[in-house]
Amino acid sequence: MSNNDEQRIRQFMQAHKHEIADNGFSRRVMRRLPTQAKVLSDVLTAICVVLCATLLYVFDGVNVILDSLHSFFQYQMWSLVSNNFNLSTLLPAFAVLVYFGIHKACTVKE
């Protein structure tokens, strides 16, 4: 659509805009919503966070994650330095970078 079309549409919408009186309807609806579900959801979220943090500490999860990342990057460096230079080890990283680059380019606001 051209800029002229957008202006015409905007003018039409402004000219035919109708306000509907709320008369306190939104406030009444919000008052009647159940708060028990929200409280239960917050309590369950807190319990899950504490449980996950406890399990991470008990099973030494931080060291497991760090060791896994170290092994992954060590293997990647070894495969790049070795005589068997294999481009397939870089393809997943390249695909992710391309995806984020295209996504960023498509979501740039003018």
PDB file of N, CA and C in Angstrom:
ATOM      1  N   MET A   1       0.842  -1.179   0.000  1.00  0.00           N
ATOM      2  CA  MET A   1       0.000   0.000   0.000  1.00  0.00           C
ATOM      3  C   MET A   1       0.883   1.236   0.000  1.00  0.00           C
ATOM      4  N   SER A   2       0.407   2.225  -0.661  1.00  0.00           N
ATOM      5  CA  SER A   2       1.165   3.463  -0.708  1.00  0.00           C
ATOM      6  C   SER A   2       0.862   4.308   0.523  1.00  0.00           C
ATOM      7  N   ASN A   3       1.656   5.307   0.716  1.00  0.00           N
ATOM      8  CA  ASN A   3       1.488   6.197   1.860  1.00  0.00           C
ATOM      9  C   ASN A   3       0.157   6.939   1.773  1.00  0.00           C
ATOM     10  N   ASN A   4      -0.266   7.266   0.544  1.00  0.00           N
ATOM     11  CA  ASN A   4      -1.536   7.957   0.330  1.00  0.00           C
ATOM     12  C   ASN A   4      -2.715   7.087   0.774  1.00  0.00           C
ATOM     13  N   ASP A   5      -2.648   5.790   0.452  1.00  0.00           N
ATOM     14  CA  ASP A   5      -3.710   4.863   0.872  1.00  0.00           C
ATOM     15  C   ASP A   5      -3.793   4.770   2.394  1.00  0.00           C
ATOM     16  N   GLU A   6      -2.642   4.712   3.035  1.00  0.00           N
ATOM     17  CA  GLU A   6      -2.631   4.626   4.490  1.00  0.00           C
ATOM     18  C   GLU A   6      -3.233   5.877   5.122  1.00  0.00           C
ATOM     19  N   GLN A   7      -2.947   7.031   4.558  1.00  0.00           N
ATOM     20  CA  GLN A   7      -3.520   8.273   5.087  1.00  0.00           C
ATOM     21  C   GLN A   7      -5.033   8.293   4.902  1.00  0.00           C
ATOM     22  N   ARG A   8      -5.504   7.832   3.775  1.00  0.00           N
ATOM     23  CA  ARG A   8      -6.938   7.803   3.518  1.00  0.00           C
ATOM     24  C   ARG A   8      -7.637   6.848   4.479  1.00  0.00           C
ATOM     25  N   ILE A   9      -7.027   5.700   4.713  1.00  0.00           N
ATOM     26  CA  ILE A   9      -7.610   4.735   5.654  1.00  0.00           C
ATOM     27  C   ILE A   9      -7.637   5.327   7.052  1.00  0.00           C
ATOM     28  N   ARG A  10      -6.547   5.961   7.469  1.00  0.00           N
ATOM     29  CA  ARG A  10      -6.473   6.567   8.793  1.00  0.00           C
ATOM     30  C   ARG A  10      -7.542   7.654   8.950  1.00  0.00           C
ATOM     31  N   GLN A  11      -7.734   8.485   7.914  1.00  0.00           N
ATOM     32  CA  GLN A  11      -8.750   9.534   7.966  1.00  0.00           C
ATOM     33  C   GLN A  11     -10.148   8.941   8.063  1.00  0.00           C
ATOM     34  N   PHE A  12     -10.399   7.881   7.303  1.00  0.00           N
ATOM     35  CA  PHE A  12     -11.704   7.228   7.335  1.00  0.00           C
ATOM     36  C   PHE A  12     -11.988   6.659   8.727  1.00  0.00           C
ATOM     37  N   MET A  13     -10.980   5.990   9.308  1.00  0.00           N
ATOM     38  CA  MET A  13     -11.167   5.383  10.624  1.00  0.00           C
ATOM     39  C   MET A  13     -11.390   6.455  11.689  1.00  0.00           C
ATOM     40  N   GLN A  14     -10.693   7.577  11.599  1.00  0.00           N
ATOM     41  CA  GLN A  14     -10.879   8.659  12.566  1.00  0.00           C
ATOM     42  C   GLN A  14     -12.266   9.281  12.433  1.00  0.00           C
ATOM     43  N   ALA A  15     -12.738   9.415  11.211  1.00  0.00           N
ATOM     44  CA  ALA A  15     -14.040  10.044  10.985  1.00  0.00           C
ATOM     45  C   ALA A  15     -15.190   9.149  11.454  1.00  0.00           C
ATOM     46  N   HIS A  16     -15.018   7.838  11.409  1.00  0.00           N
ATOM     47  CA  HIS A  16     -16.086   6.900  11.764  1.00  0.00           C
ATOM     48  C   HIS A  16     -15.834   6.200  13.093  1.00  0.00           C
ATOM     49  N   LYS A  17     -15.046   6.803  13.936  1.00  0.00           N
ATOM     50  CA  LYS A  17     -14.730   6.209  15.230  1.00  0.00           C
ATOM     51  C   LYS A  17     -15.882   6.441  16.207  1.00  0.00           C
ATOM     52  N   HIS A  18     -16.305   5.369  16.859  1.00  0.00           N
ATOM     53  CA  HIS A  18     -17.396   5.447  17.828  1.00  0.00           C
ATOM     54  C   HIS A  18     -16.880   4.987  19.190  1.00  0.00           C
ATOM     55  N   GLU A  19     -17.113   5.786  20.187  1.00  0.00           N
ATOM     56  CA  GLU A  19     -16.735   5.429  21.555  1.00  0.00           C
ATOM     57  C   GLU A  19     -17.930   4.742  22.216  1.00  0.00           C
ATOM     58  N   ILE A  20     -17.660   3.654  22.885  1.00  0.00           N
ATOM     59  CA  ILE A  20     -18.697   2.922  23.602  1.00  0.00           C
ATOM     60  C   ILE A  20     -18.488   3.187  25.088  1.00  0.00           C
ATOM     61  N   ALA A  21     -19.542   3.592  25.749  1.00  0.00           N
ATOM     62  CA  ALA A  21     -19.442   3.911  27.171  1.00  0.00           C
ATOM     63  C   ALA A  21     -19.185   2.648  27.978  1.00  0.00           C
ATOM     64  N   ASP A  22     -18.239   2.725  28.880  1.00  0.00           N
ATOM     65  CA  ASP A  22     -17.856   1.582  29.708  1.00  0.00           C
ATOM     66  C   ASP A  22     -18.805   1.436  30.900  1.00  0.00           C
ATOM     67  N   ASN A  23     -19.176   2.532  31.516  1.00  0.00           N
ATOM     68  CA  ASN A  23     -20.079   2.559  32.670  1.00  0.00           C
ATOM     69  C   ASN A  23     -19.620   1.627  33.794  1.00  0.00           C
ATOM     70  N   GLY A  24     -18.302   1.503  33.981  1.00  0.00           N
ATOM     71  CA  GLY A  24     -17.777   0.677  35.068  1.00  0.00           C
ATOM     72  C   GLY A  24     -17.761  -0.809  34.781  1.00  0.00           C
ATOM     73  N   PHE A  25     -18.035  -1.220  33.545  1.00  0.00           N
ATOM     74  CA  PHE A  25     -18.097  -2.645  33.211  1.00  0.00           C
ATOM     75  C   PHE A  25     -16.741  -3.323  33.417  1.00  0.00           C
ATOM     76  N   SER A  26     -15.674  -2.705  32.949  1.00  0.00           N
ATOM     77  CA  SER A  26     -14.342  -3.310  33.072  1.00  0.00           C
ATOM     78  C   SER A  26     -13.967  -3.508  34.528  1.00  0.00           C
ATOM     79  N   ARG A  27     -14.256  -2.524  35.366  1.00  0.00           N
ATOM     80  CA  ARG A  27     -13.937  -2.616  36.787  1.00  0.00           C
ATOM     81  C   ARG A  27     -14.712  -3.757  37.441  1.00  0.00           C
ATOM     82  N   ARG A  28     -15.978  -3.910  37.083  1.00  0.00           N
ATOM     83  CA  ARG A  28     -16.785  -4.993  37.659  1.00  0.00           C
ATOM     84  C   ARG A  28     -16.271  -6.360  37.226  1.00  0.00           C
ATOM     85  N   VAL A  29     -15.871  -6.476  35.968  1.00  0.00           N
ATOM     86  CA  VAL A  29     -15.346  -7.762  35.485  1.00  0.00           C
ATOM     87  C   VAL A  29     -14.053  -8.107  36.217  1.00  0.00           C
ATOM     88  N   MET A  30     -13.172  -7.136  36.356  1.00  0.00           N
ATOM     89  CA  MET A  30     -11.900  -7.390  37.030  1.00  0.00           C
ATOM     90  C   MET A  30     -12.101  -7.771  38.496  1.00  0.00           C
ATOM     91  N   ARG A  31     -13.109  -7.191  39.134  1.00  0.00           N
ATOM     92  CA  ARG A  31     -13.407  -7.516  40.536  1.00  0.00           C
ATOM     93  C   ARG A  31     -13.916  -8.945  40.672  1.00  0.00           C
ATOM     94  N   ARG A  32     -14.627  -9.438  39.676  1.00  0.00           N
ATOM     95  CA  ARG A  32     -15.220 -10.777  39.777  1.00  0.00           C
ATOM     96  C   ARG A  32     -14.275 -11.903  39.345  1.00  0.00           C
ATOM     97  N   LEU A  33     -13.133 -11.566  38.772  1.00  0.00           N
ATOM     98  CA  LEU A  33     -12.199 -12.612  38.367  1.00  0.00           C
ATOM     99  C   LEU A  33     -11.671 -13.342  39.601  1.00  0.00           C
ATOM    100  N   PRO A  34     -11.505 -14.654  39.496  1.00  0.00           N
ATOM    101  CA  PRO A  34     -11.046 -15.409  40.673  1.00  0.00           C
ATOM    102  C   PRO A  34      -9.572 -15.120  40.959  1.00  0.00           C
ATOM    103  N   THR A  35      -9.299 -14.743  42.191  1.00  0.00           N
ATOM    104  CA  THR A  35      -7.923 -14.480  42.593  1.00  0.00           C
ATOM    105  C   THR A  35      -7.258 -15.730  43.141  1.00  0.00           C
ATOM    106  N   GLN A  36      -8.052 -16.734  43.472  1.00  0.00           N
ATOM    107  CA  GLN A  36      -7.503 -17.956  44.030  1.00  0.00           C
ATOM    108  C   GLN A  36      -6.586 -18.656  43.019  1.00  0.00           C
ATOM    109  N   ALA A  37      -6.949 -18.645  41.747  1.00  0.00           N
ATOM    110  CA  ALA A  37      -6.130 -19.294  40.724  1.00  0.00           C
ATOM    111  C   ALA A  37      -4.781 -18.589  40.588  1.00  0.00           C
ATOM    112  N   LYS A  38      -4.764 -17.274  40.684  1.00  0.00           N
ATOM    113  CA  LYS A  38      -3.511 -16.523  40.582  1.00  0.00           C
ATOM    114  C   LYS A  38      -2.611 -16.838  41.764  1.00  0.00           C
ATOM    115  N   VAL A  39      -3.173 -16.879  42.954  1.00  0.00           N
ATOM    116  CA  VAL A  39      -2.386 -17.185  44.149  1.00  0.00           C
ATOM    117  C   VAL A  39      -1.820 -18.596  44.048  1.00  0.00           C
ATOM    118  N   LEU A  40      -2.644 -19.553  43.627  1.00  0.00           N
ATOM    119  CA  LEU A  40      -2.197 -20.928  43.476  1.00  0.00           C
ATOM    120  C   LEU A  40      -1.088 -21.035  42.432  1.00  0.00           C
ATOM    121  N   SER A  41      -1.226 -20.307  41.345  1.00  0.00           N
ATOM    122  CA  SER A  41      -0.201 -20.303  40.311  1.00  0.00           C
ATOM    123  C   SER A  41       1.107 -19.735  40.834  1.00  0.00           C
ATOM    124  N   ASP A  42       1.054 -18.653  41.603  1.00  0.00           N
ATOM    125  CA  ASP A  42       2.264 -18.059  42.165  1.00  0.00           C
ATOM    126  C   ASP A  42       2.945 -18.999  43.159  1.00  0.00           C
ATOM    127  N   VAL A  43       2.158 -19.674  43.987  1.00  0.00           N
ATOM    128  CA  VAL A  43       2.717 -20.610  44.956  1.00  0.00           C
ATOM    129  C   VAL A  43       3.364 -21.789  44.237  1.00  0.00           C
ATOM    130  N   LEU A  44       2.700 -22.327  43.230  1.00  0.00           N
ATOM    131  CA  LEU A  44       3.249 -23.448  42.473  1.00  0.00           C
ATOM    132  C   LEU A  44       4.535 -23.049  41.751  1.00  0.00           C
ATOM    133  N   THR A  45       4.590 -21.843  41.209  1.00  0.00           N
ATOM    134  CA  THR A  45       5.802 -21.366  40.554  1.00  0.00           C
ATOM    135  C   THR A  45       6.947 -21.267  41.553  1.00  0.00           C
ATOM    136  N   ALA A  46       6.685 -20.739  42.739  1.00  0.00           N
ATOM    137  CA  ALA A  46       7.726 -20.616  43.762  1.00  0.00           C
ATOM    138  C   ALA A  46       8.235 -21.992  44.195  1.00  0.00           C
ATOM    139  N   ILE A  47       7.331 -22.940  44.365  1.00  0.00           N
ATOM    140  CA  ILE A  47       7.731 -24.294  44.758  1.00  0.00           C
ATOM    141  C   ILE A  47       8.610 -24.921  43.673  1.00  0.00           C
ATOM    142  N   CYS A  48       8.233 -24.755  42.421  1.00  0.00           N
ATOM    143  CA  CYS A  48       9.020 -25.325  41.319  1.00  0.00           C
ATOM    144  C   CYS A  48      10.404 -24.692  41.227  1.00  0.00           C
ATOM    145  N   VAL A  49      10.491 -23.391  41.435  1.00  0.00           N
ATOM    146  CA  VAL A  49      11.795 -22.717  41.395  1.00  0.00           C
ATOM    147  C   VAL A  49      12.695 -23.235  42.511  1.00  0.00           C
ATOM    148  N   VAL A  50      12.154 -23.358  43.711  1.00  0.00           N
ATOM    149  CA  VAL A  50      12.942 -23.868  44.838  1.00  0.00           C
ATOM    150  C   VAL A  50      13.360 -25.311  44.583  1.00  0.00           C
ATOM    151  N   LEU A  51      12.462 -26.128  44.073  1.00  0.00           N
ATOM    152  CA  LEU A  51      12.772 -27.524  43.778  1.00  0.00           C
ATOM    153  C   LEU A  51      13.867 -27.638  42.718  1.00  0.00           C
ATOM    154  N   CYS A  52      13.767 -26.848  41.657  1.00  0.00           N
ATOM    155  CA  CYS A  52      14.783 -26.884  40.598  1.00  0.00           C
ATOM    156  C   CYS A  52      16.133 -26.419  41.114  1.00  0.00           C
ATOM    157  N   ALA A  53      16.156 -25.362  41.919  1.00  0.00           N
ATOM    158  CA  ALA A  53      17.424 -24.876  42.482  1.00  0.00           C
ATOM    159  C   ALA A  53      18.032 -25.924  43.413  1.00  0.00           C
ATOM    160  N   THR A  54      17.199 -26.592  44.200  1.00  0.00           N
ATOM    161  CA  THR A  54      17.690 -27.630  45.101  1.00  0.00           C
ATOM    162  C   THR A  54      18.275 -28.803  44.323  1.00  0.00           C
ATOM    163  N   LEU A  55      17.565 -29.253  43.302  1.00  0.00           N
ATOM    164  CA  LEU A  55      18.067 -30.366  42.486  1.00  0.00           C
ATOM    165  C   LEU A  55      19.353 -29.989  41.749  1.00  0.00           C
ATOM    166  N   LEU A  56      19.446 -28.752  41.290  1.00  0.00           N
ATOM    167  CA  LEU A  56      20.660 -28.287  40.622  1.00  0.00           C
ATOM    168  C   LEU A  56      21.839 -28.329  41.593  1.00  0.00           C
ATOM    169  N   TYR A  57      21.604 -27.943  42.840  1.00  0.00           N
ATOM    170  CA  TYR A  57      22.660 -27.971  43.848  1.00  0.00           C
ATOM    171  C   TYR A  57      23.007 -29.409  44.252  1.00  0.00           C
ATOM    172  N   VAL A  58      21.999 -30.246  44.492  1.00  0.00           N
ATOM    173  CA  VAL A  58      22.235 -31.614  44.962  1.00  0.00           C
ATOM    174  C   VAL A  58      22.993 -32.439  43.923  1.00  0.00           C
ATOM    175  N   PHE A  59      22.626 -32.309  42.669  1.00  0.00           N
ATOM    176  CA  PHE A  59      23.263 -33.106  41.623  1.00  0.00           C
ATOM    177  C   PHE A  59      24.421 -32.378  40.945  1.00  0.00           C
ATOM    178  N   ASP A  60      24.887 -31.298  41.546  1.00  0.00           N
ATOM    179  CA  ASP A  60      26.035 -30.534  41.049  1.00  0.00           C
ATOM    180  C   ASP A  60      25.827 -30.154  39.581  1.00  0.00           C
ATOM    181  N   GLY A  61      24.663 -29.595  39.315  1.00  0.00           N
ATOM    182  CA  GLY A  61      24.268 -29.274  37.951  1.00  0.00           C
ATOM    183  C   GLY A  61      25.109 -28.215  37.290  1.00  0.00           C
ATOM    184  N   VAL A  62      25.631 -27.269  38.054  1.00  0.00           N
ATOM    185  CA  VAL A  62      26.438 -26.205  37.458  1.00  0.00           C
ATOM    186  C   VAL A  62      27.705 -26.796  36.851  1.00  0.00           C
ATOM    187  N   ASN A  63      28.366 -27.696  37.575  1.00  0.00           N
ATOM    188  CA  ASN A  63      29.575 -28.323  37.031  1.00  0.00           C
ATOM    189  C   ASN A  63      29.263 -29.209  35.839  1.00  0.00           C
ATOM    190  N   VAL A  64      28.129 -29.884  35.865  1.00  0.00           N
ATOM    191  CA  VAL A  64      27.737 -30.717  34.727  1.00  0.00           C
ATOM    192  C   VAL A  64      27.537 -29.853  33.485  1.00  0.00           C
ATOM    193  N   ILE A  65      26.858 -28.729  33.644  1.00  0.00           N
ATOM    194  CA  ILE A  65      26.624 -27.831  32.512  1.00  0.00           C
ATOM    195  C   ILE A  65      27.940 -27.256  32.010  1.00  0.00           C
ATOM    196  N   LEU A  66      28.792 -26.799  32.917  1.00  0.00           N
ATOM    197  CA  LEU A  66      30.079 -26.229  32.510  1.00  0.00           C
ATOM    198  C   LEU A  66      30.975 -27.269  31.845  1.00  0.00           C
ATOM    199  N   ASP A  67      31.004 -28.483  32.379  1.00  0.00           N
ATOM    200  CA  ASP A  67      31.802 -29.553  31.764  1.00  0.00           C
ATOM    201  C   ASP A  67      31.286 -29.893  30.368  1.00  0.00           C
ATOM    202  N   SER A  68      29.977 -29.916  30.204  1.00  0.00           N
ATOM    203  CA  SER A  68      29.399 -30.206  28.889  1.00  0.00           C
ATOM    204  C   SER A  68      29.752 -29.117  27.882  1.00  0.00           C
ATOM    205  N   LEU A  69      29.649 -27.865  28.298  1.00  0.00           N
ATOM    206  CA  LEU A  69      30.022 -26.770  27.401  1.00  0.00           C
ATOM    207  C   LEU A  69      31.508 -26.809  27.069  1.00  0.00           C
ATOM    208  N   HIS A  70      32.339 -27.111  28.067  1.00  0.00           N
ATOM    209  CA  HIS A  70      33.781 -27.203  27.835  1.00  0.00           C
ATOM    210  C   HIS A  70      34.090 -28.310  26.829  1.00  0.00           C
ATOM    211  N   SER A  71      33.478 -29.478  27.014  1.00  0.00           N
ATOM    212  CA  SER A  71      33.706 -30.593  26.093  1.00  0.00           C
ATOM    213  C   SER A  71      33.238 -30.250  24.684  1.00  0.00           C
ATOM    214  N   PHE A  72      32.089 -29.586  24.578  1.00  0.00           N
ATOM    215  CA  PHE A  72      31.562 -29.217  23.266  1.00  0.00           C
ATOM    216  C   PHE A  72      32.513 -28.269  22.542  1.00  0.00           C
ATOM    217  N   PHE A  73      32.933 -27.212  23.241  1.00  0.00           N
ATOM    218  CA  PHE A  73      33.818 -26.250  22.589  1.00  0.00           C
ATOM    219  C   PHE A  73      35.202 -26.840  22.324  1.00  0.00           C
ATOM    220  N   GLN A  74      35.664 -27.716  23.195  1.00  0.00           N
ATOM    221  CA  GLN A  74      36.949 -28.368  22.966  1.00  0.00           C
ATOM    222  C   GLN A  74      36.879 -29.255  21.717  1.00  0.00           C
ATOM    223  N   TYR A  75      35.790 -29.989  21.555  1.00  0.00           N
ATOM    224  CA  TYR A  75      35.616 -30.818  20.364  1.00  0.00           C
ATOM    225  C   TYR A  75      35.532 -29.953  19.109  1.00  0.00           C
ATOM    226  N   GLN A  76      34.819 -28.838  19.198  1.00  0.00           N
ATOM    227  CA  GLN A  76      34.703 -27.960  18.031  1.00  0.00           C
ATOM    228  C   GLN A  76      36.067 -27.407  17.631  1.00  0.00           C
ATOM    229  N   MET A  77      36.850 -26.984  18.616  1.00  0.00           N
ATOM    230  CA  MET A  77      38.180 -26.461  18.308  1.00  0.00           C
ATOM    231  C   MET A  77      39.079 -27.551  17.753  1.00  0.00           C
ATOM    232  N   TRP A  78      38.987 -28.760  18.321  1.00  0.00           N
ATOM    233  CA  TRP A  78      39.800 -29.861  17.827  1.00  0.00           C
ATOM    234  C   TRP A  78      39.451 -30.188  16.384  1.00  0.00           C
ATOM    235  N   SER A  79      38.169 -30.193  16.062  1.00  0.00           N
ATOM    236  CA  SER A  79      37.763 -30.533  14.704  1.00  0.00           C
ATOM    237  C   SER A  79      38.165 -29.452  13.710  1.00  0.00           C
ATOM    238  N   LEU A  80      38.229 -28.196  14.161  1.00  0.00           N
ATOM    239  CA  LEU A  80      38.672 -27.134  13.263  1.00  0.00           C
ATOM    240  C   LEU A  80      40.177 -27.156  13.039  1.00  0.00           C
ATOM    241  N   VAL A  81      40.928 -27.513  14.065  1.00  0.00           N
ATOM    242  CA  VAL A  81      42.384 -27.492  13.980  1.00  0.00           C
ATOM    243  C   VAL A  81      42.930 -28.752  13.331  1.00  0.00           C
ATOM    244  N   SER A  82      42.229 -29.844  13.456  1.00  0.00           N
ATOM    245  CA  SER A  82      42.727 -31.123  12.939  1.00  0.00           C
ATOM    246  C   SER A  82      42.829 -31.089  11.414  1.00  0.00           C
ATOM    247  N   ASN A  83      43.495 -32.066  10.886  1.00  0.00           N
ATOM    248  CA  ASN A  83      43.669 -32.167   9.437  1.00  0.00           C
ATOM    249  C   ASN A  83      42.362 -32.437   8.721  1.00  0.00           C
ATOM    250  N   ASN A  84      41.422 -33.023   9.411  1.00  0.00           N
ATOM    251  CA  ASN A  84      40.136 -33.335   8.809  1.00  0.00           C
ATOM    252  C   ASN A  84      39.191 -32.148   8.978  1.00  0.00           C
ATOM    253  N   PHE A  85      39.559 -31.037   8.384  1.00  0.00           N
ATOM    254  CA  PHE A  85      38.719 -29.843   8.492  1.00  0.00           C
ATOM    255  C   PHE A  85      37.356 -30.157   7.911  1.00  0.00           C
ATOM    256  N   ASN A  86      36.368 -30.180   8.773  1.00  0.00           N
ATOM    257  CA  ASN A  86      35.035 -30.573   8.366  1.00  0.00           C
ATOM    258  C   ASN A  86      34.089 -29.400   8.586  1.00  0.00           C
ATOM    259  N   LEU A  87      33.543 -28.910   7.507  1.00  0.00           N
ATOM    260  CA  LEU A  87      32.668 -27.754   7.587  1.00  0.00           C
ATOM    261  C   LEU A  87      31.333 -28.086   8.237  1.00  0.00           C
ATOM    262  N   SER A  88      30.983 -29.361   8.306  1.00  0.00           N
ATOM    263  CA  SER A  88      29.680 -29.732   8.867  1.00  0.00           C
ATOM    264  C   SER A  88      29.601 -29.433  10.366  1.00  0.00           C
ATOM    265  N   THR A  89      30.735 -29.270  11.034  1.00  0.00           N
ATOM    266  CA  THR A  89      30.693 -28.933  12.454  1.00  0.00           C
ATOM    267  C   THR A  89      30.271 -27.486  12.664  1.00  0.00           C
ATOM    268  N   LEU A  90      30.464 -26.648  11.662  1.00  0.00           N
ATOM    269  CA  LEU A  90      30.085 -25.244  11.783  1.00  0.00           C
ATOM    270  C   LEU A  90      28.702 -24.958  11.221  1.00  0.00           C
ATOM    271  N   LEU A  91      28.123 -25.901  10.503  1.00  0.00           N
ATOM    272  CA  LEU A  91      26.828 -25.653   9.871  1.00  0.00           C
ATOM    273  C   LEU A  91      25.712 -25.340  10.857  1.00  0.00           C
ATOM    274  N   PRO A  92      25.573 -26.025  11.989  1.00  0.00           N
ATOM    275  CA  PRO A  92      24.504 -25.640  12.924  1.00  0.00           C
ATOM    276  C   PRO A  92      24.656 -24.208  13.437  1.00  0.00           C
ATOM    277  N   ALA A  93      25.876 -23.817  13.778  1.00  0.00           N
ATOM    278  CA  ALA A  93      26.094 -22.447  14.252  1.00  0.00           C
ATOM    279  C   ALA A  93      25.824 -21.446  13.131  1.00  0.00           C
ATOM    280  N   PHE A  94      26.246 -21.758  11.944  1.00  0.00           N
ATOM    281  CA  PHE A  94      26.006 -20.871  10.814  1.00  0.00           C
ATOM    282  C   PHE A  94      24.509 -20.743  10.540  1.00  0.00           C
ATOM    283  N   ALA A  95      23.773 -21.851  10.646  1.00  0.00           N
ATOM    284  CA  ALA A  95      22.333 -21.815  10.407  1.00  0.00           C
ATOM    285  C   ALA A  95      21.635 -20.943  11.444  1.00  0.00           C
ATOM    286  N   VAL A  96      22.052 -21.028  12.697  1.00  0.00           N
ATOM    287  CA  VAL A  96      21.457 -20.202  13.746  1.00  0.00           C
ATOM    288  C   VAL A  96      21.742 -18.729  13.485  1.00  0.00           C
ATOM    289  N   LEU A  97      22.984 -18.411  13.118  1.00  0.00           N
ATOM    290  CA  LEU A  97      23.334 -17.018  12.823  1.00  0.00           C
ATOM    291  C   LEU A  97      22.540 -16.480  11.637  1.00  0.00           C
ATOM    292  N   VAL A  98      22.361 -17.283  10.613  1.00  0.00           N
ATOM    293  CA  VAL A  98      21.578 -16.852   9.456  1.00  0.00           C
ATOM    294  C   VAL A  98      20.130 -16.623   9.851  1.00  0.00           C
ATOM    295  N   TYR A  99      19.572 -17.530  10.648  1.00  0.00           N
ATOM    296  CA  TYR A  99      18.188 -17.369  11.088  1.00  0.00           C
ATOM    297  C   TYR A  99      18.002 -16.065  11.850  1.00  0.00           C
ATOM    298  N   PHE A 100      18.878 -15.811  12.832  1.00  0.00           N
ATOM    299  CA  PHE A 100      18.737 -14.584  13.620  1.00  0.00           C
ATOM    300  C   PHE A 100      18.990 -13.345  12.772  1.00  0.00           C
ATOM    301  N   GLY A 101      19.884 -13.434  11.813  1.00  0.00           N
ATOM    302  CA  GLY A 101      20.126 -12.298  10.927  1.00  0.00           C
ATOM    303  C   GLY A 101      18.909 -11.978  10.080  1.00  0.00           C
ATOM    304  N   ILE A 102      18.288 -13.007   9.521  1.00  0.00           N
ATOM    305  CA  ILE A 102      17.088 -12.795   8.709  1.00  0.00           C
ATOM    306  C   ILE A 102      15.942 -12.305   9.587  1.00  0.00           C
ATOM    307  N   HIS A 103      15.791 -12.890  10.759  1.00  0.00           N
ATOM    308  CA  HIS A 103      14.726 -12.464  11.679  1.00  0.00           C
ATOM    309  C   HIS A 103      14.904 -11.005  12.063  1.00  0.00           C
ATOM    310  N   LYS A 104      16.136 -10.597  12.357  1.00  0.00           N
ATOM    311  CA  LYS A 104      16.410  -9.208  12.742  1.00  0.00           C
ATOM    312  C   LYS A 104      16.117  -8.271  11.567  1.00  0.00           C
ATOM    313  N   ALA A 105      16.510  -8.687  10.362  1.00  0.00           N
ATOM    314  CA  ALA A 105      16.279  -7.844   9.193  1.00  0.00           C
ATOM    315  C   ALA A 105      14.793  -7.699   8.891  1.00  0.00           C
ATOM    316  N   CYS A 106      14.012  -8.742   9.152  1.00  0.00           N
ATOM    317  CA  CYS A 106      12.585  -8.695   8.861  1.00  0.00           C
ATOM    318  C   CYS A 106      11.790  -7.928   9.908  1.00  0.00           C
ATOM    319  N   THR A 107      12.327  -7.789  11.105  1.00  0.00           N
ATOM    320  CA  THR A 107      11.583  -7.117  12.162  1.00  0.00           C
ATOM    321  C   THR A 107      12.043  -5.690  12.419  1.00  0.00           C
ATOM    322  N   VAL A 108      12.932  -5.175  11.596  1.00  0.00           N
ATOM    323  CA  VAL A 108      13.393  -3.792  11.766  1.00  0.00           C
ATOM    324  C   VAL A 108      12.263  -2.848  11.421  1.00  0.00           C
ATOM    325  N   LYS A 109      12.003  -1.903  12.331  1.00  0.00           N
ATOM    326  CA  LYS A 109      10.932  -0.934  12.086  1.00  0.00           C
ATOM    327  C   LYS A 109      11.480   0.221  11.294  1.00  0.00           C
ATOM    328  N   GLU A 110      10.676   0.721  10.408  1.00  0.00           N
ATOM    329  CA  GLU A 110      11.100   1.837   9.573  1.00  0.00           C
ATOM    330  C   GLU A 110      10.990   3.139  10.301  1.00  0.00           C
TER     331      GLU A 110
END
